[in-house]
Amino acid sequence: SGIVKALEFLKIDLKDSYAFGDGRNDIEMLQ
């Protein structure tokens, strides 16, 4: 949800976003 807010602020399309993670609390951002 935080990533979506940052993207909206920057006016960057969701398809142009990437995330690197390893933990359970990274699942939402990977999705």
PDB file of all heavy atoms in Angstrom:
ATOM      1  N   SER A   1       0.834  -1.209   0.000  1.00  0.00           N
ATOM      2  CA  SER A   1       0.000   0.000   0.000  1.00  0.00           C
ATOM      3  C   SER A   1       0.866   1.255   0.000  1.00  0.00           C
ATOM      4  O   SER A   1       0.529   2.264  -0.631  1.00  0.00           O
ATOM      5  CB  SER A   1      -0.937  -0.003   1.219  1.00  0.00           C
ATOM      6  OG  SER A   1      -0.205   0.092   2.430  1.00  0.00           O
ATOM      7  N   GLY A   2       2.015   1.205   0.690  1.00  0.00           N
ATOM      8  CA  GLY A   2       2.923   2.342   0.688  1.00  0.00           C
ATOM      9  C   GLY A   2       3.520   2.595  -0.676  1.00  0.00           C
ATOM     10  O   GLY A   2       3.678   3.743  -1.106  1.00  0.00           O
ATOM     11  N   ILE A   3       3.839   1.513  -1.383  1.00  0.00           N
ATOM     12  CA  ILE A   3       4.383   1.638  -2.736  1.00  0.00           C
ATOM     13  C   ILE A   3       3.376   2.311  -3.667  1.00  0.00           C
ATOM     14  O   ILE A   3       3.736   3.183  -4.470  1.00  0.00           O
ATOM     15  CB  ILE A   3       4.795   0.256  -3.268  1.00  0.00           C
ATOM     16  CG1 ILE A   3       6.111  -0.181  -2.611  1.00  0.00           C
ATOM     17  CG2 ILE A   3       4.919   0.262  -4.800  1.00  0.00           C
ATOM     18  CD1 ILE A   3       6.514  -1.604  -2.906  1.00  0.00           C
ATOM     19  N   VAL A   4       2.121   1.938  -3.561  1.00  0.00           N
ATOM     20  CA  VAL A   4       1.079   2.541  -4.401  1.00  0.00           C
ATOM     21  C   VAL A   4       1.019   4.045  -4.162  1.00  0.00           C
ATOM     22  O   VAL A   4       0.907   4.839  -5.111  1.00  0.00           O
ATOM     23  CB  VAL A   4      -0.287   1.886  -4.130  1.00  0.00           C
ATOM     24  CG1 VAL A   4      -1.400   2.674  -4.804  1.00  0.00           C
ATOM     25  CG2 VAL A   4      -0.297   0.446  -4.618  1.00  0.00           C
ATOM     26  N   LYS A   5       1.123   4.464  -2.907  1.00  0.00           N
ATOM     27  CA  LYS A   5       1.087   5.902  -2.592  1.00  0.00           C
ATOM     28  C   LYS A   5       2.287   6.625  -3.204  1.00  0.00           C
ATOM     29  O   LYS A   5       2.159   7.738  -3.729  1.00  0.00           O
ATOM     30  CB  LYS A   5       1.039   6.095  -1.083  1.00  0.00           C
ATOM     31  CG  LYS A   5      -0.275   5.657  -0.446  1.00  0.00           C
ATOM     32  CD  LYS A   5      -0.256   5.817   1.057  1.00  0.00           C
ATOM     33  CE  LYS A   5      -1.618   5.484   1.660  1.00  0.00           C
ATOM     34  NZ  LYS A   5      -1.997   4.066   1.456  1.00  0.00           N
ATOM     35  N   ALA A   6       3.457   6.009  -3.141  1.00  0.00           N
ATOM     36  CA  ALA A   6       4.654   6.629  -3.728  1.00  0.00           C
ATOM     37  C   ALA A   6       4.517   6.742  -5.242  1.00  0.00           C
ATOM     38  O   ALA A   6       4.859   7.770  -5.837  1.00  0.00           O
ATOM     39  CB  ALA A   6       5.893   5.816  -3.362  1.00  0.00           C
ATOM     40  N   LEU A   7       4.021   5.693  -5.881  1.00  0.00           N
ATOM     41  CA  LEU A   7       3.859   5.701  -7.331  1.00  0.00           C
ATOM     42  C   LEU A   7       2.847   6.754  -7.771  1.00  0.00           C
ATOM     43  O   LEU A   7       3.054   7.458  -8.772  1.00  0.00           O
ATOM     44  CB  LEU A   7       3.416   4.321  -7.817  1.00  0.00           C
ATOM     45  CG  LEU A   7       4.432   3.187  -7.663  1.00  0.00           C
ATOM     46  CD1 LEU A   7       3.803   1.851  -8.062  1.00  0.00           C
ATOM     47  CD2 LEU A   7       5.682   3.450  -8.490  1.00  0.00           C
ATOM     48  N   GLU A   8       1.750   6.871  -7.037  1.00  0.00           N
ATOM     49  CA  GLU A   8       0.740   7.874  -7.369  1.00  0.00           C
ATOM     50  C   GLU A   8       1.315   9.278  -7.245  1.00  0.00           C
ATOM     51  O   GLU A   8       1.048  10.146  -8.078  1.00  0.00           O
ATOM     52  CB  GLU A   8      -0.479   7.708  -6.454  1.00  0.00           C
ATOM     53  CG  GLU A   8      -1.294   6.445  -6.747  1.00  0.00           C
ATOM     54  CD  GLU A   8      -2.418   6.236  -5.761  1.00  0.00           C
ATOM     55  OE1 GLU A   8      -2.417   6.897  -4.690  1.00  0.00           O
ATOM     56  OE2 GLU A   8      -3.304   5.395  -6.034  1.00  0.00           O
ATOM     57  N   PHE A   9       2.118   9.503  -6.222  1.00  0.00           N
ATOM     58  CA  PHE A   9       2.730  10.812  -6.014  1.00  0.00           C
ATOM     59  C   PHE A   9       3.683  11.149  -7.158  1.00  0.00           C
ATOM     60  O   PHE A   9       3.731  12.290  -7.635  1.00  0.00           O
ATOM     61  CB  PHE A   9       3.478  10.824  -4.680  1.00  0.00           C
ATOM     62  CG  PHE A   9       4.072  12.147  -4.322  1.00  0.00           C
ATOM     63  CD1 PHE A   9       3.320  13.114  -3.667  1.00  0.00           C
ATOM     64  CD2 PHE A   9       5.392  12.445  -4.627  1.00  0.00           C
ATOM     65  CE1 PHE A   9       3.868  14.343  -3.334  1.00  0.00           C
ATOM     66  CE2 PHE A   9       5.953  13.672  -4.310  1.00  0.00           C
ATOM     67  CZ  PHE A   9       5.180  14.622  -3.659  1.00  0.00           C
ATOM     68  N   LEU A  10       4.430  10.153  -7.614  1.00  0.00           N
ATOM     69  CA  LEU A  10       5.412  10.363  -8.685  1.00  0.00           C
ATOM     70  C   LEU A  10       4.803  10.270 -10.082  1.00  0.00           C
ATOM     71  O   LEU A  10       5.481  10.562 -11.066  1.00  0.00           O
ATOM     72  CB  LEU A  10       6.528   9.323  -8.564  1.00  0.00           C
ATOM     73  CG  LEU A  10       7.466   9.468  -7.369  1.00  0.00           C
ATOM     74  CD1 LEU A  10       8.321   8.219  -7.217  1.00  0.00           C
ATOM     75  CD2 LEU A  10       8.345  10.702  -7.520  1.00  0.00           C
ATOM     76  N   LYS A  11       3.544   9.818 -10.141  1.00  0.00           N
ATOM     77  CA  LYS A  11       2.860   9.603 -11.413  1.00  0.00           C
ATOM     78  C   LYS A  11       3.608   8.580 -12.280  1.00  0.00           C
ATOM     79  O   LYS A  11       3.783   8.759 -13.492  1.00  0.00           O
ATOM     80  CB  LYS A  11       2.669  10.925 -12.167  1.00  0.00           C
ATOM     81  CG  LYS A  11       1.741  11.898 -11.449  1.00  0.00           C
ATOM     82  CD  LYS A  11       1.559  13.185 -12.224  1.00  0.00           C
ATOM     83  CE  LYS A  11       0.467  14.064 -11.623  1.00  0.00           C
ATOM     84  NZ  LYS A  11       0.680  14.382 -10.194  1.00  0.00           N
ATOM     85  N   ILE A  12       4.055   7.526 -11.628  1.00  0.00           N
ATOM     86  CA  ILE A  12       4.704   6.408 -12.323  1.00  0.00           C
ATOM     87  C   ILE A  12       3.724   5.249 -12.382  1.00  0.00           C
ATOM     88  O   ILE A  12       3.108   4.884 -11.379  1.00  0.00           O
ATOM     89  CB  ILE A  12       5.997   5.972 -11.602  1.00  0.00           C
ATOM     90  CG1 ILE A  12       7.060   7.083 -11.711  1.00  0.00           C
ATOM     91  CG2 ILE A  12       6.548   4.667 -12.179  1.00  0.00           C
ATOM     92  CD1 ILE A  12       8.358   6.774 -10.979  1.00  0.00           C
ATOM     93  N   ASP A  13       3.552   4.683 -13.554  1.00  0.00           N
ATOM     94  CA  ASP A  13       2.607   3.588 -13.751  1.00  0.00           C
ATOM     95  C   ASP A  13       3.051   2.344 -12.988  1.00  0.00           C
ATOM     96  O   ASP A  13       4.242   2.059 -12.879  1.00  0.00           O
ATOM     97  CB  ASP A  13       2.491   3.263 -15.243  1.00  0.00           C
ATOM     98  CG  ASP A  13       1.239   2.449 -15.556  1.00  0.00           C
ATOM     99  OD1 ASP A  13       1.221   1.254 -15.212  1.00  0.00           O
ATOM    100  OD2 ASP A  13       0.304   3.007 -16.143  1.00  0.00           O
ATOM    101  N   LEU A  14       2.075   1.602 -12.490  1.00  0.00           N
ATOM    102  CA  LEU A  14       2.358   0.396 -11.718  1.00  0.00           C
ATOM    103  C   LEU A  14       3.219  -0.591 -12.507  1.00  0.00           C
ATOM    104  O   LEU A  14       4.093  -1.262 -11.945  1.00  0.00           O
ATOM    105  CB  LEU A  14       1.039  -0.274 -11.307  1.00  0.00           C
ATOM    106  CG  LEU A  14       1.118  -1.335 -10.207  1.00  0.00           C
ATOM    107  CD1 LEU A  14       1.613  -0.738  -8.899  1.00  0.00           C
ATOM    108  CD2 LEU A  14      -0.247  -1.987 -10.010  1.00  0.00           C
ATOM    109  N   LYS A  15       3.009  -0.661 -13.805  1.00  0.00           N
ATOM    110  CA  LYS A  15       3.763  -1.620 -14.625  1.00  0.00           C
ATOM    111  C   LYS A  15       5.250  -1.270 -14.678  1.00  0.00           C
ATOM    112  O   LYS A  15       6.078  -2.119 -15.023  1.00  0.00           O
ATOM    113  CB  LYS A  15       3.189  -1.691 -16.042  1.00  0.00           C
ATOM    114  CG  LYS A  15       3.359  -0.422 -16.869  1.00  0.00           C
ATOM    115  CD  LYS A  15       2.784  -0.587 -18.258  1.00  0.00           C
ATOM    116  CE  LYS A  15       2.869   0.700 -19.062  1.00  0.00           C
ATOM    117  NZ  LYS A  15       4.247   1.214 -19.210  1.00  0.00           N
ATOM    118  N   ASP A  16       5.594  -0.039 -14.333  1.00  0.00           N
ATOM    119  CA  ASP A  16       6.986   0.402 -14.357  1.00  0.00           C
ATOM    120  C   ASP A  16       7.613   0.367 -12.962  1.00  0.00           C
ATOM    121  O   ASP A  16       8.578   1.074 -12.674  1.00  0.00           O
ATOM    122  CB  ASP A  16       7.090   1.813 -14.927  1.00  0.00           C
ATOM    123  CG  ASP A  16       6.692   1.862 -16.396  1.00  0.00           C
ATOM    124  OD1 ASP A  16       7.114   0.971 -17.140  1.00  0.00           O
ATOM    125  OD2 ASP A  16       5.955   2.790 -16.781  1.00  0.00           O
ATOM    126  N   SER A  17       7.051  -0.464 -12.086  1.00  0.00           N
ATOM    127  CA  SER A  17       7.582  -0.583 -10.726  1.00  0.00           C
ATOM    128  C   SER A  17       8.133  -1.983 -10.492  1.00  0.00           C
ATOM    129  O   SER A  17       7.651  -2.968 -11.057  1.00  0.00           O
ATOM    130  CB  SER A  17       6.496  -0.268  -9.691  1.00  0.00           C
ATOM    131  OG  SER A  17       5.439  -1.211  -9.761  1.00  0.00           O
ATOM    132  N   TYR A  18       9.161  -2.046  -9.641  1.00  0.00           N
ATOM    133  CA  TYR A  18       9.845  -3.306  -9.318  1.00  0.00           C
ATOM    134  C   TYR A  18      10.084  -3.357  -7.816  1.00  0.00           C
ATOM    135  O   TYR A  18      10.207  -2.312  -7.168  1.00  0.00           O
ATOM    136  CB  TYR A  18      11.199  -3.386 -10.028  1.00  0.00           C
ATOM    137  CG  TYR A  18      11.149  -3.338 -11.532  1.00  0.00           C
ATOM    138  CD1 TYR A  18      10.884  -2.146 -12.201  1.00  0.00           C
ATOM    139  CD2 TYR A  18      11.374  -4.489 -12.283  1.00  0.00           C
ATOM    140  CE1 TYR A  18      10.839  -2.094 -13.591  1.00  0.00           C
ATOM    141  CE2 TYR A  18      11.334  -4.445 -13.683  1.00  0.00           C
ATOM    142  CZ  TYR A  18      11.072  -3.246 -14.317  1.00  0.00           C
ATOM    143  OH  TYR A  18      11.031  -3.197 -15.691  1.00  0.00           O
ATOM    144  N   ALA A  19      10.189  -4.552  -7.278  1.00  0.00           N
ATOM    145  CA  ALA A  19      10.507  -4.690  -5.858  1.00  0.00           C
ATOM    146  C   ALA A  19      11.367  -5.926  -5.636  1.00  0.00           C
ATOM    147  O   ALA A  19      11.159  -6.968  -6.266  1.00  0.00           O
ATOM    148  CB  ALA A  19       9.231  -4.785  -5.021  1.00  0.00           C
ATOM    149  N   PHE A  20      12.344  -5.789  -4.736  1.00  0.00           N
ATOM    150  CA  PHE A  20      13.210  -6.890  -4.318  1.00  0.00           C
ATOM    151  C   PHE A  20      12.939  -7.165  -2.843  1.00  0.00           C
ATOM    152  O   PHE A  20      12.972  -6.234  -2.027  1.00  0.00           O
ATOM    153  CB  PHE A  20      14.684  -6.522  -4.474  1.00  0.00           C
ATOM    154  CG  PHE A  20      15.167  -6.396  -5.890  1.00  0.00           C
ATOM    155  CD1 PHE A  20      14.879  -5.268  -6.648  1.00  0.00           C
ATOM    156  CD2 PHE A  20      15.943  -7.394  -6.456  1.00  0.00           C
ATOM    157  CE1 PHE A  20      15.350  -5.132  -7.947  1.00  0.00           C
ATOM    158  CE2 PHE A  20      16.422  -7.280  -7.764  1.00  0.00           C
ATOM    159  CZ  PHE A  20      16.124  -6.147  -8.506  1.00  0.00           C
ATOM    160  N   GLY A  21      12.719  -8.433  -2.480  1.00  0.00           N
ATOM    161  CA  GLY A  21      12.484  -8.753  -1.079  1.00  0.00           C
ATOM    162  C   GLY A  21      12.708 -10.214  -0.765  1.00  0.00           C
ATOM    163  O   GLY A  21      12.878 -11.038  -1.671  1.00  0.00           O
ATOM    164  N   ASP A  22      12.694 -10.513   0.529  1.00  0.00           N
ATOM    165  CA  ASP A  22      12.943 -11.901   0.939  1.00  0.00           C
ATOM    166  C   ASP A  22      12.035 -12.390   2.056  1.00  0.00           C
ATOM    167  O   ASP A  22      11.953 -13.591   2.305  1.00  0.00           O
ATOM    168  CB  ASP A  22      14.396 -12.051   1.420  1.00  0.00           C
ATOM    169  CG  ASP A  22      14.606 -11.443   2.792  1.00  0.00           C
ATOM    170  OD1 ASP A  22      14.380 -10.222   2.938  1.00  0.00           O
ATOM    171  OD2 ASP A  22      14.974 -12.163   3.726  1.00  0.00           O
ATOM    172  N   GLY A  23      11.372 -11.482   2.765  1.00  0.00           N
ATOM    173  CA  GLY A  23      10.612 -11.872   3.948  1.00  0.00           C
ATOM    174  C   GLY A  23       9.118 -11.939   3.730  1.00  0.00           C
ATOM    175  O   GLY A  23       8.592 -11.489   2.706  1.00  0.00           O
ATOM    176  N   ARG A  24       8.439 -12.479   4.738  1.00  0.00           N
ATOM    177  CA  ARG A  24       6.983 -12.609   4.647  1.00  0.00           C
ATOM    178  C   ARG A  24       6.312 -11.250   4.477  1.00  0.00           C
ATOM    179  O   ARG A  24       5.308 -11.128   3.766  1.00  0.00           O
ATOM    180  CB  ARG A  24       6.453 -13.293   5.908  1.00  0.00           C
ATOM    181  CG  ARG A  24       4.960 -13.538   5.858  1.00  0.00           C
ATOM    182  CD  ARG A  24       4.406 -13.995   7.185  1.00  0.00           C
ATOM    183  NE  ARG A  24       3.023 -13.568   7.332  1.00  0.00           N
ATOM    184  CZ  ARG A  24       2.370 -13.544   8.478  1.00  0.00           C
ATOM    185  NH1 ARG A  24       2.969 -13.921   9.574  1.00  0.00           N
ATOM    186  NH2 ARG A  24       1.120 -13.139   8.531  1.00  0.00           N
ATOM    187  N   ASN A  25       6.865 -10.212   5.137  1.00  0.00           N
ATOM    188  CA  ASN A  25       6.252  -8.886   4.991  1.00  0.00           C
ATOM    189  C   ASN A  25       6.597  -8.220   3.664  1.00  0.00           C
ATOM    190  O   ASN A  25       6.242  -7.070   3.423  1.00  0.00           O
ATOM    191  CB  ASN A  25       6.622  -7.983   6.170  1.00  0.00           C
ATOM    192  CG  ASN A  25       8.096  -7.638   6.220  1.00  0.00           C
ATOM    193  OD1 ASN A  25       8.934  -8.345   5.642  1.00  0.00           O
ATOM    194  ND2 ASN A  25       8.428  -6.571   6.918  1.00  0.00           N
ATOM    195  N   ASP A  26       7.284  -8.958   2.774  1.00  0.00           N
ATOM    196  CA  ASP A  26       7.543  -8.474   1.415  1.00  0.00           C
ATOM    197  C   ASP A  26       6.532  -9.032   0.407  1.00  0.00           C
ATOM    198  O   ASP A  26       6.508  -8.602  -0.748  1.00  0.00           O
ATOM    199  CB  ASP A  26       8.956  -8.870   0.954  1.00  0.00           C
ATOM    200  CG  ASP A  26      10.038  -8.195   1.768  1.00  0.00           C
ATOM    201  OD1 ASP A  26       9.865  -6.999   2.088  1.00  0.00           O
ATOM    202  OD2 ASP A  26      11.045  -8.855   2.089  1.00  0.00           O
ATOM    203  N   ILE A  27       5.734  -9.978   0.832  1.00  0.00           N
ATOM    204  CA  ILE A  27       4.804 -10.630  -0.094  1.00  0.00           C
ATOM    205  C   ILE A  27       3.868  -9.619  -0.738  1.00  0.00           C
ATOM    206  O   ILE A  27       3.643  -9.635  -1.960  1.00  0.00           O
ATOM    207  CB  ILE A  27       4.009 -11.745   0.609  1.00  0.00           C
ATOM    208  CG1 ILE A  27       4.950 -12.920   0.935  1.00  0.00           C
ATOM    209  CG2 ILE A  27       2.837 -12.216  -0.251  1.00  0.00           C
ATOM    210  CD1 ILE A  27       4.301 -14.031   1.748  1.00  0.00           C
ATOM    211  N   GLU A  28       3.295  -8.721   0.081  1.00  0.00           N
ATOM    212  CA  GLU A  28       2.346  -7.735  -0.468  1.00  0.00           C
ATOM    213  C   GLU A  28       2.988  -6.870  -1.536  1.00  0.00           C
ATOM    214  O   GLU A  28       2.375  -6.572  -2.557  1.00  0.00           O
ATOM    215  CB  GLU A  28       1.774  -6.850   0.650  1.00  0.00           C
ATOM    216  CG  GLU A  28       0.839  -7.549   1.607  1.00  0.00           C
ATOM    217  CD  GLU A  28       1.560  -8.163   2.786  1.00  0.00           C
ATOM    218  OE1 GLU A  28       2.812  -8.197   2.779  1.00  0.00           O
ATOM    219  OE2 GLU A  28       0.868  -8.623   3.721  1.00  0.00           O
ATOM    220  N   MET A  29       4.231  -6.469  -1.307  1.00  0.00           N
ATOM    221  CA  MET A  29       4.846  -5.588  -2.318  1.00  0.00           C
ATOM    222  C   MET A  29       5.234  -6.368  -3.574  1.00  0.00           C
ATOM    223  O   MET A  29       5.164  -5.830  -4.679  1.00  0.00           O
ATOM    224  CB  MET A  29       6.028  -4.804  -1.744  1.00  0.00           C
ATOM    225  CG  MET A  29       7.320  -5.529  -1.530  1.00  0.00           C
ATOM    226  SD  MET A  29       8.632  -4.325  -1.116  1.00  0.00           S
ATOM    227  CE  MET A  29      10.053  -5.414  -0.997  1.00  0.00           C
ATOM    228  N   LEU A  30       5.631  -7.621  -3.418  1.00  0.00           N
ATOM    229  CA  LEU A  30       5.934  -8.439  -4.600  1.00  0.00           C
ATOM    230  C   LEU A  30       4.676  -8.641  -5.444  1.00  0.00           C
ATOM    231  O   LEU A  30       4.751  -8.708  -6.675  1.00  0.00           O
ATOM    232  CB  LEU A  30       6.510  -9.788  -4.172  1.00  0.00           C
ATOM    233  CG  LEU A  30       7.885  -9.750  -3.490  1.00  0.00           C
ATOM    234  CD1 LEU A  30       8.278 -11.155  -3.040  1.00  0.00           C
ATOM    235  CD2 LEU A  30       8.952  -9.161  -4.389  1.00  0.00           C
ATOM    236  N   GLN A  31       3.530  -8.744  -4.775  1.00  0.00           N
ATOM    237  CA  GLN A  31       2.255  -8.890  -5.487  1.00  0.00           C
ATOM    238  C   GLN A  31       1.790  -7.571  -6.108  1.00  0.00           C
ATOM    239  O   GLN A  31       1.109  -7.573  -7.128  1.00  0.00           O
ATOM    240  CB  GLN A  31       1.171  -9.379  -4.526  1.00  0.00           C
ATOM    241  CG  GLN A  31       1.322 -10.799  -4.040  1.00  0.00           C
ATOM    242  CD  GLN A  31       0.241 -11.165  -3.053  1.00  0.00           C
ATOM    243  OE1 GLN A  31       0.143 -10.591  -1.976  1.00  0.00           O
ATOM    244  NE2 GLN A  31      -0.594 -12.111  -3.416  1.00  0.00           N
TER     245      GLN A  31
END
